């Protein structure tokens, strides 16, 4: 008869490979293989950290608002930031946004 799913054609080799992946995953192994998966994981972690760093370094001052910057070392900085996107140093600085 026709396969249950017309987009997925099963073969004995494919089912053996899937069972092999399931067994490796159950044993805590890496289903993608040795070095390639480790490299992929390392790249994924690095990209995640870079993305998080960029996300934490940017802030927006909405229309009708202004911002001042508080710095952990120097306290309140003298600059007033207008509307728009601005950068900050994560953990060291954070904006105080107020309505004007």
N, C-alpha and C. Protein backbone atom coordinates (compact mmCIF):
# COMPACT_ATOMS: atom_id res chain seq x y z
N UNK A 1 0.80 -1.18 0.00
CA UNK A 1 0.00 0.00 0.00
C UNK A 1 0.85 1.25 0.00
N UNK A 2 0.16 2.37 0.00
CA UNK A 2 0.80 3.69 0.01
C UNK A 2 1.33 4.00 1.40
N UNK A 3 2.45 4.74 1.48
CA UNK A 3 2.96 5.13 2.80
C UNK A 3 1.96 6.04 3.52
N UNK A 4 2.03 6.03 4.85
CA UNK A 4 1.10 6.81 5.66
C UNK A 4 1.26 8.31 5.40
N UNK A 5 2.45 8.73 5.19
CA UNK A 5 2.72 10.15 4.92
C UNK A 5 3.37 10.26 3.54
N UNK A 6 2.76 10.96 2.61
CA UNK A 6 3.33 11.02 1.26
C UNK A 6 4.65 11.80 1.19
N UNK A 7 5.00 12.58 2.21
CA UNK A 7 6.22 13.38 2.18
C UNK A 7 7.41 12.67 2.82
N UNK A 8 7.15 11.54 3.49
CA UNK A 8 8.20 10.84 4.21
C UNK A 8 8.21 9.39 3.75
N UNK A 9 9.22 8.99 3.04
CA UNK A 9 9.34 7.62 2.56
C UNK A 9 10.37 6.91 3.41
N UNK A 10 9.93 5.89 4.10
CA UNK A 10 10.78 5.15 5.01
C UNK A 10 11.61 4.13 4.25
N UNK A 11 12.81 3.90 4.74
CA UNK A 11 13.65 2.83 4.20
C UNK A 11 14.31 2.14 5.38
N UNK A 12 14.75 0.89 5.20
CA UNK A 12 15.40 0.19 6.32
C UNK A 12 16.62 0.94 6.84
N UNK A 13 17.43 1.53 5.96
CA UNK A 13 18.61 2.27 6.41
C UNK A 13 18.23 3.51 7.21
N UNK A 14 17.16 4.20 6.79
CA UNK A 14 16.73 5.40 7.49
C UNK A 14 16.24 5.04 8.89
N UNK A 15 15.47 3.98 9.01
CA UNK A 15 14.96 3.61 10.33
C UNK A 15 16.10 3.17 11.23
N UNK A 16 17.14 2.51 10.69
CA UNK A 16 18.30 2.16 11.50
C UNK A 16 19.02 3.40 11.98
N UNK A 17 19.14 4.40 11.11
CA UNK A 17 19.82 5.64 11.48
C UNK A 17 19.04 6.39 12.56
N UNK A 18 17.73 6.44 12.42
CA UNK A 18 16.90 7.10 13.42
C UNK A 18 17.01 6.38 14.76
N UNK A 19 16.98 5.06 14.74
CA UNK A 19 17.12 4.30 15.99
C UNK A 19 18.50 4.53 16.61
N UNK A 20 19.52 4.64 15.77
CA UNK A 20 20.86 4.93 16.27
C UNK A 20 20.89 6.30 16.97
N UNK A 21 20.27 7.32 16.36
CA UNK A 21 20.20 8.64 16.98
C UNK A 21 19.45 8.61 18.30
N UNK A 22 18.35 7.87 18.32
CA UNK A 22 17.55 7.77 19.56
C UNK A 22 18.37 7.11 20.66
N UNK A 23 19.07 6.03 20.33
CA UNK A 23 19.90 5.35 21.33
C UNK A 23 21.00 6.25 21.84
N UNK A 24 21.66 6.99 20.95
CA UNK A 24 22.73 7.89 21.39
C UNK A 24 22.18 9.02 22.26
N UNK A 25 21.00 9.54 21.91
CA UNK A 25 20.39 10.62 22.71
C UNK A 25 20.01 10.10 24.09
N UNK A 26 19.49 8.88 24.16
CA UNK A 26 19.10 8.30 25.44
C UNK A 26 20.30 8.05 26.34
N UNK A 27 21.44 7.76 25.73
CA UNK A 27 22.65 7.50 26.51
C UNK A 27 23.41 8.79 26.83
N UNK A 28 22.84 9.93 26.44
CA UNK A 28 23.49 11.21 26.70
C UNK A 28 24.56 11.55 25.69
N UNK A 29 24.56 10.86 24.58
CA UNK A 29 25.56 11.10 23.54
C UNK A 29 25.15 12.22 22.61
N UNK A 30 26.04 12.56 21.75
CA UNK A 30 25.81 13.63 20.79
C UNK A 30 25.26 13.01 19.52
N UNK A 31 24.05 13.34 19.12
CA UNK A 31 23.43 12.69 17.96
C UNK A 31 24.00 13.18 16.64
N UNK A 32 24.68 14.30 16.62
CA UNK A 32 25.19 14.84 15.37
C UNK A 32 26.59 14.33 15.04
N UNK A 33 27.26 13.77 15.98
CA UNK A 33 28.62 13.30 15.72
C UNK A 33 29.63 14.08 16.54
N UNK A 34 30.86 13.67 16.48
CA UNK A 34 31.91 14.20 17.34
C UNK A 34 32.22 15.67 17.22
N UNK A 35 33.23 16.02 16.46
CA UNK A 35 33.74 17.39 16.42
C UNK A 35 32.76 18.37 15.80
N UNK A 36 32.02 17.96 14.80
CA UNK A 36 31.10 18.87 14.13
C UNK A 36 30.04 19.41 15.07
N UNK A 37 29.50 18.54 15.92
CA UNK A 37 28.47 18.98 16.85
C UNK A 37 29.06 19.88 17.92
N UNK A 38 30.27 19.56 18.37
CA UNK A 38 30.92 20.41 19.37
C UNK A 38 31.20 21.79 18.80
N UNK A 39 31.64 21.83 17.57
CA UNK A 39 31.90 23.11 16.90
C UNK A 39 30.60 23.87 16.72
N UNK A 40 29.56 23.18 16.28
CA UNK A 40 28.25 23.82 16.11
C UNK A 40 27.74 24.38 17.44
N UNK A 41 27.88 23.60 18.49
CA UNK A 41 27.45 24.06 19.82
C UNK A 41 28.24 25.27 20.28
N UNK A 42 29.56 25.25 20.03
CA UNK A 42 30.40 26.38 20.42
C UNK A 42 30.04 27.64 19.66
N UNK A 43 29.79 27.49 18.36
CA UNK A 43 29.39 28.64 17.55
C UNK A 43 28.04 29.17 18.00
N UNK A 44 27.10 28.27 18.30
CA UNK A 44 25.77 28.69 18.76
C UNK A 44 25.87 29.44 20.09
N UNK A 45 26.68 28.95 21.00
CA UNK A 45 26.86 29.64 22.29
C UNK A 45 27.51 31.00 22.08
N UNK A 46 28.53 31.07 21.24
CA UNK A 46 29.20 32.35 20.98
C UNK A 46 28.25 33.36 20.36
N UNK A 47 27.46 32.92 19.37
CA UNK A 47 26.49 33.84 18.75
C UNK A 47 25.43 34.28 19.76
N UNK A 48 25.02 33.37 20.62
CA UNK A 48 24.05 33.73 21.66
C UNK A 48 24.61 34.78 22.62
N UNK A 49 25.86 34.61 23.01
CA UNK A 49 26.48 35.58 23.92
C UNK A 49 26.67 36.94 23.25
N UNK A 50 27.07 36.94 21.99
CA UNK A 50 27.22 38.20 21.26
C UNK A 50 25.86 38.88 21.13
N UNK A 51 24.83 38.13 20.78
CA UNK A 51 23.49 38.69 20.66
C UNK A 51 23.00 39.26 21.97
N UNK A 52 23.23 38.54 23.07
CA UNK A 52 22.83 39.03 24.38
C UNK A 52 23.58 40.30 24.74
N UNK A 53 24.88 40.36 24.41
CA UNK A 53 25.68 41.55 24.70
C UNK A 53 25.18 42.76 23.94
N UNK A 54 24.84 42.57 22.66
CA UNK A 54 24.30 43.68 21.86
C UNK A 54 22.95 44.11 22.41
N UNK A 55 22.10 43.15 22.77
CA UNK A 55 20.77 43.46 23.31
C UNK A 55 20.89 44.27 24.60
N UNK A 56 21.84 43.93 25.44
CA UNK A 56 22.01 44.63 26.70
C UNK A 56 22.73 45.97 26.55
N UNK A 57 23.32 46.24 25.39
CA UNK A 57 24.08 47.47 25.18
C UNK A 57 23.28 48.59 24.51
N UNK A 58 22.06 48.31 24.10
CA UNK A 58 21.26 49.28 23.35
C UNK A 58 19.99 49.60 24.13
N UNK A 59 19.61 50.87 24.12
CA UNK A 59 18.33 51.27 24.72
C UNK A 59 17.71 52.36 23.87
N UNK A 60 16.40 52.50 23.97
CA UNK A 60 15.65 53.49 23.20
C UNK A 60 15.05 54.54 24.12
N UNK A 61 15.13 55.77 23.67
CA UNK A 61 14.43 56.87 24.34
C UNK A 61 13.25 57.21 23.42
N UNK A 62 12.05 56.99 23.93
CA UNK A 62 10.84 57.18 23.12
C UNK A 62 10.56 58.67 22.89
N UNK A 63 9.65 58.95 21.96
CA UNK A 63 9.27 60.32 21.63
C UNK A 63 8.69 61.01 22.86
N UNK A 64 9.10 62.23 23.07
CA UNK A 64 8.61 63.01 24.21
C UNK A 64 9.35 62.72 25.50
N UNK A 65 10.40 61.93 25.45
CA UNK A 65 11.18 61.57 26.63
C UNK A 65 12.62 62.00 26.45
N UNK A 66 13.33 62.06 27.54
CA UNK A 66 14.77 62.30 27.57
C UNK A 66 15.37 61.29 28.53
N UNK A 67 16.67 61.16 28.48
CA UNK A 67 17.33 60.21 29.39
C UNK A 67 18.62 60.81 29.92
N UNK A 68 18.96 60.41 31.13
CA UNK A 68 20.27 60.69 31.69
C UNK A 68 20.89 59.33 32.00
N UNK A 69 22.19 59.29 32.11
CA UNK A 69 22.88 58.03 32.32
C UNK A 69 23.45 57.98 33.73
N UNK A 70 23.18 56.87 34.42
CA UNK A 70 23.80 56.63 35.71
C UNK A 70 24.94 55.65 35.51
N UNK A 71 26.09 55.99 36.06
CA UNK A 71 27.29 55.16 35.95
C UNK A 71 27.66 54.69 37.35
N UNK A 72 27.97 53.42 37.52
CA UNK A 72 28.31 52.87 38.84
C UNK A 72 29.55 53.52 39.44
N UNK A 73 30.45 54.02 38.62
CA UNK A 73 31.69 54.61 39.12
C UNK A 73 31.54 56.10 39.36
N UNK A 74 30.97 56.83 38.39
CA UNK A 74 30.92 58.29 38.44
C UNK A 74 29.58 58.85 38.89
N UNK A 75 28.57 58.02 39.02
CA UNK A 75 27.24 58.51 39.40
C UNK A 75 26.49 59.01 38.18
N UNK A 76 25.67 60.05 38.38
CA UNK A 76 24.87 60.60 37.28
C UNK A 76 25.77 61.40 36.35
N UNK A 77 25.73 61.06 35.08
CA UNK A 77 26.56 61.73 34.08
C UNK A 77 25.87 63.02 33.62
N UNK A 78 26.63 64.01 33.15
CA UNK A 78 26.04 65.31 32.80
C UNK A 78 25.27 65.33 31.47
N UNK A 79 25.43 64.34 30.62
CA UNK A 79 24.78 64.36 29.31
C UNK A 79 23.29 64.08 29.42
N UNK A 80 22.51 64.73 28.54
CA UNK A 80 21.08 64.46 28.41
C UNK A 80 20.88 63.86 27.02
N UNK A 81 20.27 62.68 26.97
CA UNK A 81 20.12 61.96 25.70
C UNK A 81 18.73 62.21 25.12
N UNK A 82 18.66 62.64 23.85
CA UNK A 82 17.37 62.91 23.21
C UNK A 82 16.70 61.61 22.74
N UNK A 83 15.59 61.77 22.05
CA UNK A 83 14.88 60.61 21.49
C UNK A 83 15.80 59.83 20.57
N UNK A 84 15.61 58.53 20.53
CA UNK A 84 16.38 57.70 19.62
C UNK A 84 17.03 56.52 20.32
N UNK A 85 17.85 55.82 19.57
CA UNK A 85 18.55 54.64 20.08
C UNK A 85 19.95 55.04 20.52
N UNK A 86 20.34 54.56 21.68
CA UNK A 86 21.63 54.92 22.26
C UNK A 86 22.31 53.67 22.80
N UNK A 87 23.60 53.77 23.05
CA UNK A 87 24.39 52.66 23.57
C UNK A 87 24.78 52.91 25.01
N UNK A 88 24.94 51.83 25.75
CA UNK A 88 25.40 51.89 27.13
C UNK A 88 26.34 50.72 27.37
N UNK A 89 27.08 50.78 28.46
CA UNK A 89 27.95 49.68 28.85
C UNK A 89 27.16 48.81 29.84
N UNK A 90 26.88 47.57 29.48
CA UNK A 90 26.09 46.72 30.39
C UNK A 90 26.74 46.60 31.76
N UNK A 91 25.91 46.50 32.78
CA UNK A 91 26.24 46.38 34.19
C UNK A 91 26.83 47.67 34.75
N UNK A 92 27.61 48.42 33.98
CA UNK A 92 28.27 49.62 34.47
C UNK A 92 27.36 50.85 34.36
N UNK A 93 26.55 50.92 33.32
CA UNK A 93 25.68 52.08 33.09
C UNK A 93 24.25 51.63 32.87
N UNK A 94 23.32 52.48 33.28
CA UNK A 94 21.93 52.28 32.88
C UNK A 94 21.23 53.62 32.78
N UNK A 95 20.35 53.72 31.78
CA UNK A 95 19.69 54.99 31.54
C UNK A 95 18.54 55.21 32.51
N UNK A 96 18.32 56.46 32.83
CA UNK A 96 17.13 56.87 33.59
C UNK A 96 16.32 57.70 32.62
N UNK A 97 15.20 57.15 32.19
CA UNK A 97 14.38 57.79 31.15
C UNK A 97 13.22 58.51 31.84
N UNK A 98 13.00 59.75 31.46
CA UNK A 98 11.92 60.52 32.07
C UNK A 98 11.11 61.25 31.00
N UNK A 99 9.88 61.58 31.34
CA UNK A 99 8.97 62.28 30.45
C UNK A 99 9.23 63.77 30.58
N UNK A 100 9.31 64.47 29.44
CA UNK A 100 9.58 65.91 29.54
C UNK A 100 8.48 66.74 28.90
